[in-house]
N, C-alpha and C. Protein backbone atom coordinates (compact mmCIF):
# COMPACT_ATOMS: atom_id res chain seq x y z
N MET A 1 -46.44 -47.84 143.93
CA MET A 1 -45.43 -46.79 143.99
C MET A 1 -44.39 -47.04 142.90
N THR A 2 -44.02 -45.98 142.23
CA THR A 2 -43.00 -46.12 141.21
C THR A 2 -41.61 -46.14 141.85
N THR A 3 -40.66 -46.65 141.11
CA THR A 3 -39.30 -46.70 141.66
C THR A 3 -38.72 -45.31 141.85
N GLN A 4 -39.11 -44.37 141.00
CA GLN A 4 -38.60 -43.01 141.16
C GLN A 4 -39.14 -42.38 142.44
N LEU A 5 -40.42 -42.62 142.74
CA LEU A 5 -41.00 -42.10 143.96
C LEU A 5 -40.33 -42.71 145.18
N VAL A 6 -40.07 -44.00 145.13
CA VAL A 6 -39.39 -44.66 146.24
C VAL A 6 -37.99 -44.07 146.43
N GLY A 7 -37.29 -43.84 145.34
CA GLY A 7 -35.96 -43.23 145.42
C GLY A 7 -36.00 -41.84 146.01
N ASP A 8 -36.99 -41.05 145.58
CA ASP A 8 -37.15 -39.69 146.13
C ASP A 8 -37.44 -39.72 147.63
N LEU A 9 -38.28 -40.66 148.05
CA LEU A 9 -38.60 -40.77 149.47
C LEU A 9 -37.39 -41.21 150.29
N LEU A 10 -36.59 -42.10 149.73
CA LEU A 10 -35.37 -42.53 150.43
C LEU A 10 -34.39 -41.37 150.58
N ILE A 11 -34.22 -40.60 149.54
CA ILE A 11 -33.32 -39.44 149.61
C ILE A 11 -33.85 -38.43 150.62
N LEU A 12 -35.15 -38.22 150.62
CA LEU A 12 -35.78 -37.32 151.57
C LEU A 12 -35.55 -37.79 153.01
N ALA A 13 -35.74 -39.08 153.24
CA ALA A 13 -35.53 -39.62 154.59
C ALA A 13 -34.06 -39.50 155.00
N LEU A 14 -33.16 -39.75 154.09
CA LEU A 14 -31.73 -39.63 154.39
C LEU A 14 -31.35 -38.19 154.69
N ALA A 15 -31.87 -37.25 153.91
CA ALA A 15 -31.57 -35.84 154.14
C ALA A 15 -32.12 -35.39 155.50
N ALA A 16 -33.32 -35.83 155.82
CA ALA A 16 -33.89 -35.47 157.12
C ALA A 16 -33.07 -36.05 158.25
N ARG A 17 -32.55 -37.23 158.07
CA ARG A 17 -31.74 -37.88 159.11
C ARG A 17 -30.40 -37.17 159.27
N VAL A 18 -29.79 -36.80 158.15
CA VAL A 18 -28.45 -36.19 158.20
C VAL A 18 -28.52 -34.74 158.68
N PHE A 19 -29.45 -33.97 158.12
CA PHE A 19 -29.49 -32.55 158.41
C PHE A 19 -30.46 -32.17 159.53
N GLY A 20 -31.29 -33.10 159.94
CA GLY A 20 -32.17 -32.89 161.08
C GLY A 20 -33.23 -31.84 160.85
N ALA A 21 -33.43 -31.01 161.85
CA ALA A 21 -34.51 -30.03 161.84
C ALA A 21 -34.35 -28.99 160.73
N ASP A 22 -33.12 -28.69 160.34
CA ASP A 22 -32.91 -27.71 159.27
C ASP A 22 -33.51 -28.21 157.96
N ALA A 23 -33.32 -29.49 157.66
CA ALA A 23 -33.86 -30.06 156.43
C ALA A 23 -35.38 -30.07 156.47
N VAL A 24 -35.94 -30.40 157.60
CA VAL A 24 -37.40 -30.42 157.73
C VAL A 24 -37.98 -29.02 157.53
N ALA A 25 -37.35 -28.02 158.11
CA ALA A 25 -37.82 -26.64 157.95
C ALA A 25 -37.72 -26.21 156.49
N LEU A 26 -36.63 -26.57 155.82
CA LEU A 26 -36.47 -26.22 154.41
C LEU A 26 -37.53 -26.90 153.56
N LEU A 27 -37.80 -28.18 153.84
CA LEU A 27 -38.82 -28.90 153.07
C LEU A 27 -40.20 -28.29 153.28
N ARG A 28 -40.49 -27.84 154.48
CA ARG A 28 -41.78 -27.20 154.72
C ARG A 28 -41.90 -25.90 153.94
N ARG A 29 -40.82 -25.14 153.87
CA ARG A 29 -40.86 -23.89 153.10
C ARG A 29 -41.04 -24.17 151.61
N LEU A 30 -40.35 -25.19 151.11
CA LEU A 30 -40.50 -25.55 149.70
C LEU A 30 -41.91 -26.03 149.40
N ALA A 31 -42.48 -26.81 150.30
CA ALA A 31 -43.85 -27.28 150.10
C ALA A 31 -44.83 -26.12 150.11
N ALA A 32 -44.63 -25.17 151.02
CA ALA A 32 -45.51 -24.01 151.09
C ALA A 32 -45.40 -23.17 149.82
N ALA A 33 -44.18 -23.04 149.30
CA ALA A 33 -44.00 -22.28 148.06
C ALA A 33 -44.68 -22.98 146.90
N GLY A 34 -44.62 -24.29 146.87
CA GLY A 34 -45.29 -25.05 145.81
C GLY A 34 -46.80 -24.90 145.89
N VAL A 35 -47.34 -24.92 147.08
CA VAL A 35 -48.79 -24.74 147.25
C VAL A 35 -49.19 -23.35 146.80
N ARG A 36 -48.41 -22.34 147.19
CA ARG A 36 -48.74 -20.97 146.78
C ARG A 36 -48.70 -20.84 145.26
N ALA A 37 -47.72 -21.45 144.62
CA ALA A 37 -47.62 -21.37 143.17
C ALA A 37 -48.82 -22.06 142.51
N GLY A 38 -49.23 -23.19 143.05
CA GLY A 38 -50.38 -23.89 142.51
C GLY A 38 -51.67 -23.10 142.66
N VAL A 39 -51.85 -22.48 143.82
CA VAL A 39 -53.05 -21.68 144.05
C VAL A 39 -53.04 -20.47 143.13
N ASN A 40 -51.90 -19.83 142.97
CA ASN A 40 -51.82 -18.68 142.06
C ASN A 40 -52.16 -19.09 140.64
N GLU A 41 -51.69 -20.25 140.21
CA GLU A 41 -51.97 -20.73 138.86
C GLU A 41 -53.46 -21.02 138.68
N MET A 42 -54.08 -21.61 139.70
CA MET A 42 -55.51 -21.91 139.61
C MET A 42 -56.34 -20.63 139.57
N THR A 43 -56.00 -19.66 140.40
CA THR A 43 -56.79 -18.43 140.40
C THR A 43 -56.57 -17.63 139.11
N ARG A 44 -55.38 -17.70 138.56
CA ARG A 44 -55.11 -17.02 137.30
C ARG A 44 -55.93 -17.64 136.18
N ALA A 45 -56.05 -18.95 136.18
CA ALA A 45 -56.83 -19.63 135.15
C ALA A 45 -58.32 -19.30 135.30
N GLU A 46 -58.79 -19.17 136.54
CA GLU A 46 -60.20 -18.84 136.77
C GLU A 46 -60.53 -17.42 136.28
N ARG A 47 -59.56 -16.53 136.38
CA ARG A 47 -59.80 -15.15 135.94
C ARG A 47 -59.67 -15.01 134.44
N GLY A 48 -59.22 -16.07 133.77
CA GLY A 48 -59.09 -16.02 132.32
C GLY A 48 -57.79 -15.44 131.83
N GLU A 49 -56.78 -15.43 132.68
CA GLU A 49 -55.47 -14.91 132.31
C GLU A 49 -54.59 -16.05 131.85
N GLY A 50 -55.01 -16.76 130.84
CA GLY A 50 -54.26 -17.91 130.34
C GLY A 50 -52.91 -17.52 129.80
N ARG A 51 -52.19 -18.50 129.37
CA ARG A 51 -50.83 -18.25 128.88
C ARG A 51 -50.82 -17.56 127.59
């Protein structure tokens, strides 16, 4: 594990502890948005709609 990853995980754990369920819900929404963006990018590349 890199030190940056460890730092990010510590901040994530602290935010979840401080903000509770609200932070967890926000993180789930952000993760879902990231997955959707990745899937859209993959399907766009498959269709040949490159940059």
